[in-house]
Amino acid sequence: MMSPEFLAASAGFIMITVIVGLARILYGPGDADRIMAAQLLGTGGITSLLLVGIARGNPAVIDVALTLAMLAAFASIAFVKHAPAAQDADESSGGRRGDDPGQGPGR
């Protein structure tokens, strides 16, 4: 079995990479990029929780991580079901969403 120090260091490294993914959520060009970055955050958080739970031998932390993994799967399904409706609405408005700050009224 791996040492608890190595598992904790691995969890820390994963969290650092997840923090880098926050930039994609904040500055992502599209909704799909943002949801994928949110999935990255969820996956990294779940992985970190699993590593910490194994390192400390705490099964409750592992249960919480697995519960969050199930919620993340449902969030992905909800996005996929919502995405076609949002794309149809975008196409019916002529490709303009109206939330672009560069667009003025009537453009």
N, C-alpha and C. Protein backbone atom coordinates (compact mmCIF):
# COMPACT_ATOMS: atom_id res chain seq x y z
N MET A 1 0.84 -1.19 0.00
CA MET A 1 0.00 0.00 0.00
C MET A 1 0.88 1.24 0.00
N MET A 2 0.40 2.28 -0.63
CA MET A 2 1.16 3.52 -0.72
C MET A 2 1.14 4.26 0.62
N SER A 3 2.16 5.05 0.82
CA SER A 3 2.24 5.80 2.07
C SER A 3 1.21 6.92 2.09
N PRO A 4 0.70 7.25 3.28
CA PRO A 4 -0.28 8.34 3.39
C PRO A 4 0.29 9.69 2.94
N GLU A 5 1.59 9.89 3.13
CA GLU A 5 2.20 11.15 2.70
C GLU A 5 2.16 11.30 1.18
N PHE A 6 2.43 10.20 0.47
CA PHE A 6 2.37 10.24 -0.99
C PHE A 6 0.95 10.49 -1.47
N LEU A 7 -0.03 9.86 -0.84
CA LEU A 7 -1.42 10.06 -1.24
C LEU A 7 -1.86 11.50 -0.99
N ALA A 8 -1.44 12.07 0.15
CA ALA A 8 -1.80 13.46 0.46
C ALA A 8 -1.11 14.42 -0.53
N ALA A 9 0.13 14.14 -0.89
CA ALA A 9 0.83 14.99 -1.87
C ALA A 9 0.16 14.88 -3.23
N SER A 10 -0.28 13.69 -3.59
CA SER A 10 -0.98 13.51 -4.87
C SER A 10 -2.29 14.29 -4.87
N ALA A 11 -3.01 14.26 -3.76
CA ALA A 11 -4.26 15.02 -3.66
C ALA A 11 -3.99 16.52 -3.79
N GLY A 12 -2.90 16.99 -3.19
CA GLY A 12 -2.54 18.40 -3.30
C GLY A 12 -2.20 18.79 -4.73
N PHE A 13 -1.47 17.93 -5.43
CA PHE A 13 -1.12 18.21 -6.82
C PHE A 13 -2.37 18.25 -7.69
N ILE A 14 -3.29 17.34 -7.47
CA ILE A 14 -4.53 17.33 -8.24
C ILE A 14 -5.32 18.60 -7.98
N MET A 15 -5.36 19.06 -6.76
CA MET A 15 -6.09 20.29 -6.46
C MET A 15 -5.43 21.51 -7.12
N ILE A 16 -4.11 21.51 -7.25
CA ILE A 16 -3.44 22.61 -7.94
C ILE A 16 -3.85 22.63 -9.41
N THR A 17 -3.91 21.46 -10.04
CA THR A 17 -4.33 21.42 -11.44
C THR A 17 -5.79 21.81 -11.61
N VAL A 18 -6.60 21.51 -10.61
CA VAL A 18 -8.01 21.89 -10.66
C VAL A 18 -8.15 23.41 -10.57
N ILE A 19 -7.34 24.03 -9.76
CA ILE A 19 -7.38 25.49 -9.62
C ILE A 19 -7.05 26.15 -10.96
N VAL A 20 -6.14 25.56 -11.71
CA VAL A 20 -5.83 26.09 -13.04
C VAL A 20 -7.07 26.00 -13.94
N GLY A 21 -7.88 24.96 -13.74
CA GLY A 21 -9.09 24.81 -14.53
C GLY A 21 -10.15 25.87 -14.24
N LEU A 22 -10.03 26.57 -13.13
CA LEU A 22 -10.98 27.64 -12.82
C LEU A 22 -10.95 28.74 -13.89
N ALA A 23 -9.80 28.95 -14.49
CA ALA A 23 -9.69 29.97 -15.53
C ALA A 23 -10.61 29.64 -16.69
N ARG A 24 -10.76 28.37 -17.01
CA ARG A 24 -11.63 27.99 -18.12
C ARG A 24 -13.09 28.25 -17.77
N ILE A 25 -13.45 28.07 -16.52
CA ILE A 25 -14.84 28.35 -16.13
C ILE A 25 -15.10 29.85 -16.22
N LEU A 26 -14.16 30.64 -15.75
CA LEU A 26 -14.37 32.08 -15.73
C LEU A 26 -14.28 32.71 -17.12
N TYR A 27 -13.38 32.19 -17.97
CA TYR A 27 -13.12 32.83 -19.25
C TYR A 27 -13.44 31.94 -20.45
N GLY A 28 -14.15 30.85 -20.22
CA GLY A 28 -14.47 29.93 -21.30
C GLY A 28 -15.30 30.60 -22.37
N PRO A 29 -15.00 30.32 -23.63
CA PRO A 29 -15.74 30.99 -24.70
C PRO A 29 -17.17 30.49 -24.86
N GLY A 30 -17.46 29.30 -24.41
CA GLY A 30 -18.81 28.78 -24.61
C GLY A 30 -19.30 27.99 -23.41
N ASP A 31 -20.58 27.65 -23.45
CA ASP A 31 -21.17 26.90 -22.35
C ASP A 31 -20.56 25.51 -22.23
N ALA A 32 -20.27 24.88 -23.36
CA ALA A 32 -19.69 23.53 -23.32
C ALA A 32 -18.31 23.56 -22.66
N ASP A 33 -17.51 24.59 -22.96
CA ASP A 33 -16.20 24.70 -22.31
C ASP A 33 -16.35 24.88 -20.81
N ARG A 34 -17.31 25.64 -20.43
CA ARG A 34 -17.51 25.89 -18.99
C ARG A 34 -17.99 24.64 -18.27
N ILE A 35 -18.90 23.88 -18.88
CA ILE A 35 -19.39 22.68 -18.20
C ILE A 35 -18.30 21.62 -18.14
N MET A 36 -17.46 21.56 -19.17
CA MET A 36 -16.35 20.60 -19.11
C MET A 36 -15.34 20.99 -18.02
N ALA A 37 -15.11 22.28 -17.85
CA ALA A 37 -14.22 22.73 -16.78
C ALA A 37 -14.84 22.45 -15.41
N ALA A 38 -16.15 22.62 -15.31
CA ALA A 38 -16.81 22.29 -14.05
C ALA A 38 -16.71 20.80 -13.76
N GLN A 39 -16.80 19.98 -14.80
CA GLN A 39 -16.61 18.54 -14.62
C GLN A 39 -15.19 18.23 -14.17
N LEU A 40 -14.22 18.99 -14.70
CA LEU A 40 -12.84 18.83 -14.26
C LEU A 40 -12.72 19.15 -12.77
N LEU A 41 -13.34 20.22 -12.34
CA LEU A 41 -13.31 20.57 -10.92
C LEU A 41 -13.93 19.47 -10.07
N GLY A 42 -15.08 18.97 -10.53
CA GLY A 42 -15.74 17.90 -9.78
C GLY A 42 -14.91 16.64 -9.71
N THR A 43 -14.33 16.26 -10.84
CA THR A 43 -13.52 15.04 -10.89
C THR A 43 -12.28 15.19 -10.02
N GLY A 44 -11.64 16.34 -10.10
CA GLY A 44 -10.46 16.57 -9.27
C GLY A 44 -10.79 16.58 -7.78
N GLY A 45 -11.91 17.19 -7.44
CA GLY A 45 -12.32 17.20 -6.03
C GLY A 45 -12.65 15.80 -5.53
N ILE A 46 -13.33 15.03 -6.35
CA ILE A 46 -13.68 13.66 -5.98
C ILE A 46 -12.41 12.83 -5.81
N THR A 47 -11.47 12.99 -6.76
CA THR A 47 -10.21 12.25 -6.67
C THR A 47 -9.44 12.61 -5.41
N SER A 48 -9.41 13.90 -5.10
CA SER A 48 -8.70 14.33 -3.89
C SER A 48 -9.35 13.77 -2.64
N LEU A 49 -10.69 13.79 -2.61
CA LEU A 49 -11.39 13.21 -1.46
C LEU A 49 -11.11 11.72 -1.32
N LEU A 50 -11.11 11.02 -2.44
CA LEU A 50 -10.81 9.58 -2.38
C LEU A 50 -9.39 9.32 -1.88
N LEU A 51 -8.43 10.10 -2.37
CA LEU A 51 -7.05 9.91 -1.92
C LEU A 51 -6.89 10.22 -0.43
N VAL A 52 -7.52 11.29 0.02
CA VAL A 52 -7.43 11.64 1.45
C VAL A 52 -8.15 10.58 2.29
N GLY A 53 -9.31 10.12 1.82
CA GLY A 53 -10.04 9.08 2.56
C GLY A 53 -9.25 7.79 2.68
N ILE A 54 -8.56 7.41 1.60
CA ILE A 54 -7.74 6.20 1.65
C ILE A 54 -6.52 6.41 2.55
N ALA A 55 -5.90 7.60 2.44
CA ALA A 55 -4.70 7.89 3.24
C ALA A 55 -5.02 7.87 4.73
N ARG A 56 -6.16 8.38 5.10
CA ARG A 56 -6.53 8.43 6.52
C ARG A 56 -7.31 7.22 6.98
N GLY A 57 -7.72 6.39 6.03
CA GLY A 57 -8.50 5.21 6.40
C GLY A 57 -9.89 5.57 6.89
N ASN A 58 -10.47 6.63 6.33
CA ASN A 58 -11.77 7.12 6.75
C ASN A 58 -12.82 6.77 5.68
N PRO A 59 -13.63 5.76 5.92
CA PRO A 59 -14.61 5.36 4.90
C PRO A 59 -15.71 6.40 4.68
N ALA A 60 -15.97 7.27 5.65
CA ALA A 60 -17.02 8.29 5.47
C ALA A 60 -16.62 9.28 4.36
N VAL A 61 -15.34 9.63 4.29
CA VAL A 61 -14.87 10.55 3.25
C VAL A 61 -15.01 9.90 1.87
N ILE A 62 -14.74 8.61 1.81
CA ILE A 62 -14.90 7.88 0.54
C ILE A 62 -16.36 7.86 0.12
N ASP A 63 -17.27 7.67 1.07
CA ASP A 63 -18.70 7.68 0.76
C ASP A 63 -19.14 9.05 0.23
N VAL A 64 -18.64 10.12 0.83
CA VAL A 64 -18.97 11.47 0.37
C VAL A 64 -18.46 11.67 -1.06
N ALA A 65 -17.25 11.21 -1.34
CA ALA A 65 -16.69 11.36 -2.69
C ALA A 65 -17.52 10.61 -3.71
N LEU A 66 -17.95 9.40 -3.37
CA LEU A 66 -18.76 8.63 -4.32
C LEU A 66 -20.13 9.25 -4.52
N THR A 67 -20.69 9.85 -3.48
CA THR A 67 -21.97 10.56 -3.62
C THR A 67 -21.82 11.77 -4.54
N LEU A 68 -20.73 12.50 -4.38
CA LEU A 68 -20.47 13.64 -5.27
C LEU A 68 -20.27 13.19 -6.72
N ALA A 69 -19.68 12.02 -6.91
CA ALA A 69 -19.49 11.50 -8.26
C ALA A 69 -20.85 11.21 -8.91
N MET A 70 -21.79 10.69 -8.15
CA MET A 70 -23.12 10.44 -8.69
C MET A 70 -23.81 11.76 -9.04
N LEU A 71 -23.68 12.77 -8.19
CA LEU A 71 -24.29 14.07 -8.49
C LEU A 71 -23.66 14.70 -9.73
N ALA A 72 -22.37 14.53 -9.92
CA ALA A 72 -21.70 15.07 -11.10
C ALA A 72 -22.23 14.39 -12.37
N ALA A 73 -22.49 13.11 -12.29
CA ALA A 73 -23.05 12.41 -13.46
C ALA A 73 -24.42 12.96 -13.80
N PHE A 74 -25.25 13.22 -12.80
CA PHE A 74 -26.57 13.79 -13.06
C PHE A 74 -26.46 15.21 -13.63
N ALA A 75 -25.48 15.97 -13.18
CA ALA A 75 -25.28 17.32 -13.72
C ALA A 75 -24.91 17.26 -15.20
N SER A 76 -24.08 16.29 -15.57
CA SER A 76 -23.72 16.14 -16.98
C SER A 76 -24.93 15.78 -17.83
N ILE A 77 -25.76 14.89 -17.32
CA ILE A 77 -26.97 14.49 -18.04
C ILE A 77 -27.89 15.69 -18.21
N ALA A 78 -28.04 16.48 -17.17
CA ALA A 78 -28.90 17.67 -17.25
C ALA A 78 -28.37 18.65 -18.28
N PHE A 79 -27.06 18.82 -18.35
CA PHE A 79 -26.49 19.74 -19.33
C PHE A 79 -26.74 19.24 -20.75
N VAL A 80 -26.56 17.95 -20.97
CA VAL A 80 -26.76 17.40 -22.31
C VAL A 80 -28.22 17.52 -22.73
N LYS A 81 -29.13 17.35 -21.80
CA LYS A 81 -30.55 17.50 -22.13
C LYS A 81 -30.90 18.96 -22.40
N HIS A 82 -30.23 19.88 -21.72
CA HIS A 82 -30.51 21.31 -21.87
C HIS A 82 -29.81 21.90 -23.10
N ALA A 83 -28.66 21.39 -23.47
CA ALA A 83 -27.86 21.97 -24.54
C ALA A 83 -28.59 22.05 -25.88
N PRO A 84 -29.29 21.01 -26.34
CA PRO A 84 -29.99 21.16 -27.63
C PRO A 84 -31.06 22.24 -27.61
N ALA A 85 -31.76 22.39 -26.50
CA ALA A 85 -32.79 23.43 -26.40
C ALA A 85 -32.15 24.82 -26.46
N ALA A 86 -31.02 25.00 -25.80
CA ALA A 86 -30.33 26.28 -25.83
C ALA A 86 -29.78 26.57 -27.22
N GLN A 87 -29.30 25.53 -27.91
CA GLN A 87 -28.78 25.72 -29.26
C GLN A 87 -29.90 26.06 -30.22
N ASP A 88 -31.07 25.43 -30.08
CA ASP A 88 -32.20 25.75 -30.93
C ASP A 88 -32.65 27.20 -30.72
N ALA A 89 -32.67 27.65 -29.47
CA ALA A 89 -33.06 29.02 -29.17
C ALA A 89 -32.05 30.00 -29.76
N ASP A 90 -30.78 29.62 -29.73
CA ASP A 90 -29.73 30.47 -30.28
C ASP A 90 -29.87 30.58 -31.80
N GLU A 91 -30.17 29.47 -32.46
CA GLU A 91 -30.33 29.49 -33.91
C GLU A 91 -31.57 30.26 -34.33
N SER A 92 -32.64 30.18 -33.54
CA SER A 92 -33.86 30.89 -33.92
C SER A 92 -33.73 32.40 -33.75
N SER A 93 -32.77 32.85 -32.95
CA SER A 93 -32.57 34.28 -32.78
C SER A 93 -31.53 34.82 -33.76
N GLY A 94 -31.19 34.03 -34.77
CA GLY A 94 -30.25 34.49 -35.77
C GLY A 94 -28.81 34.35 -35.34
N GLY A 95 -28.54 33.48 -34.38
CA GLY A 95 -27.18 33.28 -33.93
C GLY A 95 -26.72 34.28 -32.91
N ARG A 96 -27.59 35.23 -32.54
CA ARG A 96 -27.22 36.23 -31.54
C ARG A 96 -27.94 35.91 -30.25
N ARG A 97 -27.21 35.92 -29.17
CA ARG A 97 -27.80 35.60 -27.89
C ARG A 97 -28.20 36.84 -27.11
N GLY A 98 -27.66 37.98 -27.46
CA GLY A 98 -28.03 39.20 -26.76
C GLY A 98 -27.23 39.45 -25.50
N ASP A 99 -26.42 38.48 -25.08
CA ASP A 99 -25.62 38.68 -23.88
C ASP A 99 -24.19 39.09 -24.21
N ASP A 100 -23.93 39.36 -25.48
CA ASP A 100 -22.61 39.82 -25.88
C ASP A 100 -22.52 41.31 -25.60
N PRO A 101 -21.57 41.74 -24.76
CA PRO A 101 -21.50 43.17 -24.42
C PRO A 101 -21.14 44.04 -25.62
N GLY A 102 -20.60 43.45 -26.70
CA GLY A 102 -20.24 44.24 -27.87
C GLY A 102 -21.44 44.56 -28.75
N GLN A 103 -22.55 43.91 -28.49
CA GLN A 103 -23.73 44.15 -29.32
C GLN A 103 -24.58 45.25 -28.68
N GLY A 104 -24.91 46.19 -29.48
CA GLY A 104 -25.81 47.24 -29.00
C GLY A 104 -27.24 46.90 -29.38
N PRO A 105 -28.20 47.72 -29.00
CA PRO A 105 -29.57 47.44 -29.36
C PRO A 105 -29.76 47.53 -30.88
N GLY A 106 -30.48 46.57 -31.41
CA GLY A 106 -30.82 46.58 -32.82
C GLY A 106 -29.72 46.09 -33.74
N ARG A 107 -28.66 45.54 -33.21
CA ARG A 107 -27.57 45.03 -34.06
C ARG A 107 -27.68 43.55 -34.20
